[in-house]
Structures are given as C-alpha cells and as structure tokens.
Amino acid sequence: MPRSVYKIIELVGTSTESWDDAARAAVERASSSLRDLRIAEVVKLDLQIKDGKVEAFRAKVSVSFKYEDKE
C-alpha cells in the first residue's frame, strides 16, 4: 500500500446568510488555490454580533489536502 501525507489547515468562512454558506465559502476559496482537497471538518461555529443583532455567521473549518509527489 502506498504511503500518503496530508496537510491540514484551518480557515474561517463568513456569511450573512448561514453557517452552511460560511463553511462552503471557506472550502470553495481553499479549492481555488489548493489541489486535491480531501476532507473538510467544521470545528467551530460562532456569530458576529453588532448592535445586538447577528451580523454574520462564521465557520472555522479544518481542510486537508494531499501532498503531491515530485516527479
């Protein structure tokens, strides 16, 4: 069985709509600059509040991607 190595990074996505949208934003942004994303795990959800009202949903997401072999 071949051996693999993965890197895990943490991102925070934000949205004025929902936590789902915030998590999706983080993953979609990561996929624009990283290849071979494998797993995304929502680690924490929180809210940004202004004047007593919810201003934004925030999702902290751990994303893993596989290191590529050098040819």
N, C-alpha and C. Protein backbone atom coordinates (compact mmCIF):
# COMPACT_ATOMS: atom_id res chain seq x y z
N MET A 1 0.85 -1.18 0.00
CA MET A 1 0.00 0.00 0.00
C MET A 1 0.89 1.24 0.00
N PRO A 2 0.65 2.18 -0.94
CA PRO A 2 1.47 3.39 -0.97
C PRO A 2 1.21 4.27 0.25
N ARG A 3 2.23 5.00 0.65
CA ARG A 3 2.10 5.90 1.79
C ARG A 3 1.69 7.27 1.29
N SER A 4 0.91 7.97 2.09
CA SER A 4 0.46 9.32 1.74
C SER A 4 0.66 10.25 2.92
N VAL A 5 0.82 11.52 2.61
CA VAL A 5 0.96 12.55 3.64
C VAL A 5 -0.04 13.66 3.31
N TYR A 6 -0.74 14.13 4.33
CA TYR A 6 -1.74 15.17 4.16
C TYR A 6 -1.40 16.36 5.04
N LYS A 7 -1.70 17.53 4.56
CA LYS A 7 -1.54 18.78 5.31
C LYS A 7 -2.92 19.23 5.73
N ILE A 8 -3.05 19.73 6.95
CA ILE A 8 -4.33 20.23 7.45
C ILE A 8 -4.16 21.71 7.77
N ILE A 9 -5.08 22.51 7.24
CA ILE A 9 -5.07 23.95 7.52
C ILE A 9 -6.43 24.33 8.10
N GLU A 10 -6.46 25.42 8.85
CA GLU A 10 -7.72 25.93 9.39
C GLU A 10 -8.08 27.23 8.69
N LEU A 11 -9.34 27.34 8.32
CA LEU A 11 -9.86 28.52 7.66
C LEU A 11 -11.10 28.98 8.39
N VAL A 12 -11.44 30.25 8.28
CA VAL A 12 -12.70 30.76 8.81
C VAL A 12 -13.46 31.38 7.65
N GLY A 13 -14.63 30.81 7.38
CA GLY A 13 -15.51 31.36 6.35
C GLY A 13 -16.60 32.18 7.01
N THR A 14 -17.05 33.22 6.35
CA THR A 14 -18.11 34.06 6.89
C THR A 14 -19.24 34.20 5.87
N SER A 15 -20.44 34.45 6.38
CA SER A 15 -21.60 34.64 5.53
C SER A 15 -22.65 35.43 6.30
N THR A 16 -23.40 36.22 5.60
CA THR A 16 -24.53 36.91 6.23
C THR A 16 -25.79 36.04 6.17
N GLU A 17 -25.71 34.88 5.50
CA GLU A 17 -26.87 34.02 5.28
C GLU A 17 -26.99 32.86 6.28
N SER A 18 -25.90 32.06 6.43
CA SER A 18 -25.99 30.85 7.26
C SER A 18 -24.60 30.28 7.56
N TRP A 19 -24.57 29.34 8.52
CA TRP A 19 -23.32 28.64 8.81
C TRP A 19 -22.94 27.74 7.64
N ASP A 20 -23.91 27.12 7.00
CA ASP A 20 -23.62 26.28 5.83
C ASP A 20 -22.91 27.10 4.75
N ASP A 21 -23.43 28.27 4.49
CA ASP A 21 -22.85 29.14 3.49
C ASP A 21 -21.44 29.59 3.89
N ALA A 22 -21.24 29.83 5.18
CA ALA A 22 -19.90 30.22 5.66
C ALA A 22 -18.90 29.10 5.47
N ALA A 23 -19.29 27.86 5.81
CA ALA A 23 -18.40 26.71 5.62
C ALA A 23 -18.11 26.50 4.14
N ARG A 24 -19.14 26.62 3.33
CA ARG A 24 -18.98 26.45 1.88
C ARG A 24 -18.01 27.49 1.32
N ALA A 25 -18.11 28.73 1.80
CA ALA A 25 -17.22 29.79 1.33
C ALA A 25 -15.76 29.46 1.63
N ALA A 26 -15.50 28.91 2.82
CA ALA A 26 -14.13 28.55 3.19
C ALA A 26 -13.59 27.45 2.28
N VAL A 27 -14.40 26.42 2.04
CA VAL A 27 -13.95 25.30 1.20
C VAL A 27 -13.77 25.75 -0.25
N GLU A 28 -14.70 26.51 -0.77
CA GLU A 28 -14.60 26.95 -2.15
C GLU A 28 -13.39 27.85 -2.37
N ARG A 29 -13.10 28.71 -1.39
CA ARG A 29 -11.91 29.57 -1.51
C ARG A 29 -10.65 28.75 -1.47
N ALA A 30 -10.59 27.77 -0.56
CA ALA A 30 -9.41 26.90 -0.48
C ALA A 30 -9.21 26.14 -1.78
N SER A 31 -10.30 25.68 -2.38
CA SER A 31 -10.17 24.89 -3.60
C SER A 31 -9.70 25.71 -4.79
N SER A 32 -9.79 27.03 -4.69
CA SER A 32 -9.31 27.87 -5.80
C SER A 32 -7.79 27.97 -5.83
N SER A 33 -7.12 27.65 -4.72
CA SER A 33 -5.66 27.76 -4.70
C SER A 33 -4.96 26.46 -4.28
N LEU A 34 -5.72 25.47 -3.81
CA LEU A 34 -5.14 24.19 -3.40
C LEU A 34 -5.75 23.08 -4.25
N ARG A 35 -4.94 22.06 -4.53
CA ARG A 35 -5.44 20.93 -5.30
C ARG A 35 -5.64 19.73 -4.40
N ASP A 36 -6.50 18.85 -4.83
CA ASP A 36 -6.70 17.54 -4.19
C ASP A 36 -7.18 17.66 -2.74
N LEU A 37 -8.16 18.55 -2.51
CA LEU A 37 -8.75 18.64 -1.18
C LEU A 37 -9.44 17.32 -0.87
N ARG A 38 -9.32 16.85 0.36
CA ARG A 38 -9.85 15.54 0.72
C ARG A 38 -11.00 15.61 1.72
N ILE A 39 -10.78 16.28 2.84
CA ILE A 39 -11.75 16.30 3.93
C ILE A 39 -11.87 17.73 4.45
N ALA A 40 -13.09 18.11 4.79
CA ALA A 40 -13.32 19.38 5.48
C ALA A 40 -14.14 19.06 6.72
N GLU A 41 -13.69 19.56 7.84
CA GLU A 41 -14.38 19.32 9.11
C GLU A 41 -14.71 20.66 9.75
N VAL A 42 -15.99 20.87 10.05
CA VAL A 42 -16.38 22.09 10.75
C VAL A 42 -15.99 21.92 12.21
N VAL A 43 -15.09 22.78 12.67
CA VAL A 43 -14.53 22.68 14.02
C VAL A 43 -15.31 23.54 15.01
N LYS A 44 -15.77 24.71 14.55
CA LYS A 44 -16.43 25.63 15.46
C LYS A 44 -17.37 26.53 14.67
N LEU A 45 -18.50 26.83 15.25
CA LEU A 45 -19.44 27.78 14.68
C LEU A 45 -19.61 28.94 15.66
N ASP A 46 -19.62 30.17 15.14
CA ASP A 46 -19.90 31.30 16.01
C ASP A 46 -20.59 32.40 15.20
N LEU A 47 -20.98 33.44 15.89
CA LEU A 47 -21.71 34.55 15.26
C LEU A 47 -20.97 35.85 15.51
N GLN A 48 -21.01 36.72 14.54
CA GLN A 48 -20.50 38.07 14.72
C GLN A 48 -21.73 38.94 15.00
N ILE A 49 -21.67 39.70 16.10
CA ILE A 49 -22.83 40.48 16.54
C ILE A 49 -22.49 41.96 16.51
N LYS A 50 -23.45 42.76 16.04
CA LYS A 50 -23.29 44.21 16.03
C LYS A 50 -24.61 44.84 16.48
N ASP A 51 -24.52 45.69 17.46
CA ASP A 51 -25.71 46.38 18.00
C ASP A 51 -26.80 45.38 18.41
N GLY A 52 -26.38 44.26 19.00
CA GLY A 52 -27.32 43.27 19.50
C GLY A 52 -27.97 42.39 18.44
N LYS A 53 -27.52 42.49 17.19
CA LYS A 53 -28.09 41.70 16.11
C LYS A 53 -27.00 40.89 15.42
N VAL A 54 -27.40 39.72 14.92
CA VAL A 54 -26.45 38.88 14.19
C VAL A 54 -26.07 39.57 12.89
N GLU A 55 -24.77 39.81 12.74
CA GLU A 55 -24.26 40.45 11.53
C GLU A 55 -23.71 39.42 10.55
N ALA A 56 -23.09 38.34 11.09
CA ALA A 56 -22.50 37.33 10.21
C ALA A 56 -22.39 35.99 10.94
N PHE A 57 -22.50 34.94 10.16
CA PHE A 57 -22.25 33.58 10.62
C PHE A 57 -20.81 33.25 10.27
N ARG A 58 -20.10 32.58 11.21
CA ARG A 58 -18.70 32.22 10.96
C ARG A 58 -18.52 30.73 11.22
N ALA A 59 -17.79 30.08 10.34
CA ALA A 59 -17.49 28.65 10.49
C ALA A 59 -15.99 28.45 10.40
N LYS A 60 -15.41 27.89 11.47
CA LYS A 60 -13.99 27.51 11.43
C LYS A 60 -13.93 26.10 10.86
N VAL A 61 -13.16 25.93 9.78
CA VAL A 61 -13.13 24.67 9.05
C VAL A 61 -11.69 24.18 8.93
N SER A 62 -11.46 22.91 9.28
CA SER A 62 -10.17 22.27 9.02
C SER A 62 -10.28 21.56 7.67
N VAL A 63 -9.35 21.86 6.78
CA VAL A 63 -9.36 21.29 5.43
C VAL A 63 -8.05 20.53 5.23
N SER A 64 -8.15 19.32 4.69
CA SER A 64 -6.92 18.56 4.41
C SER A 64 -6.75 18.38 2.92
N PHE A 65 -5.48 18.37 2.52
CA PHE A 65 -5.15 18.10 1.12
C PHE A 65 -3.88 17.25 1.08
N LYS A 66 -3.75 16.49 0.02
CA LYS A 66 -2.64 15.55 -0.11
C LYS A 66 -1.43 16.25 -0.70
N TYR A 67 -0.27 15.99 -0.09
CA TYR A 67 0.98 16.47 -0.68
C TYR A 67 1.22 15.72 -1.98
N GLU A 68 1.67 16.44 -2.98
CA GLU A 68 1.95 15.81 -4.27
C GLU A 68 3.38 15.30 -4.28
N ASP A 69 3.55 14.17 -4.96
CA ASP A 69 4.90 13.62 -5.15
C ASP A 69 5.62 14.42 -6.23
N LYS A 70 6.91 14.67 -6.02
CA LYS A 70 7.70 15.34 -7.04
C LYS A 70 8.09 14.31 -8.10
N GLU A 71 7.98 14.70 -9.31
CA GLU A 71 8.30 13.79 -10.42
C GLU A 71 9.75 13.93 -10.78
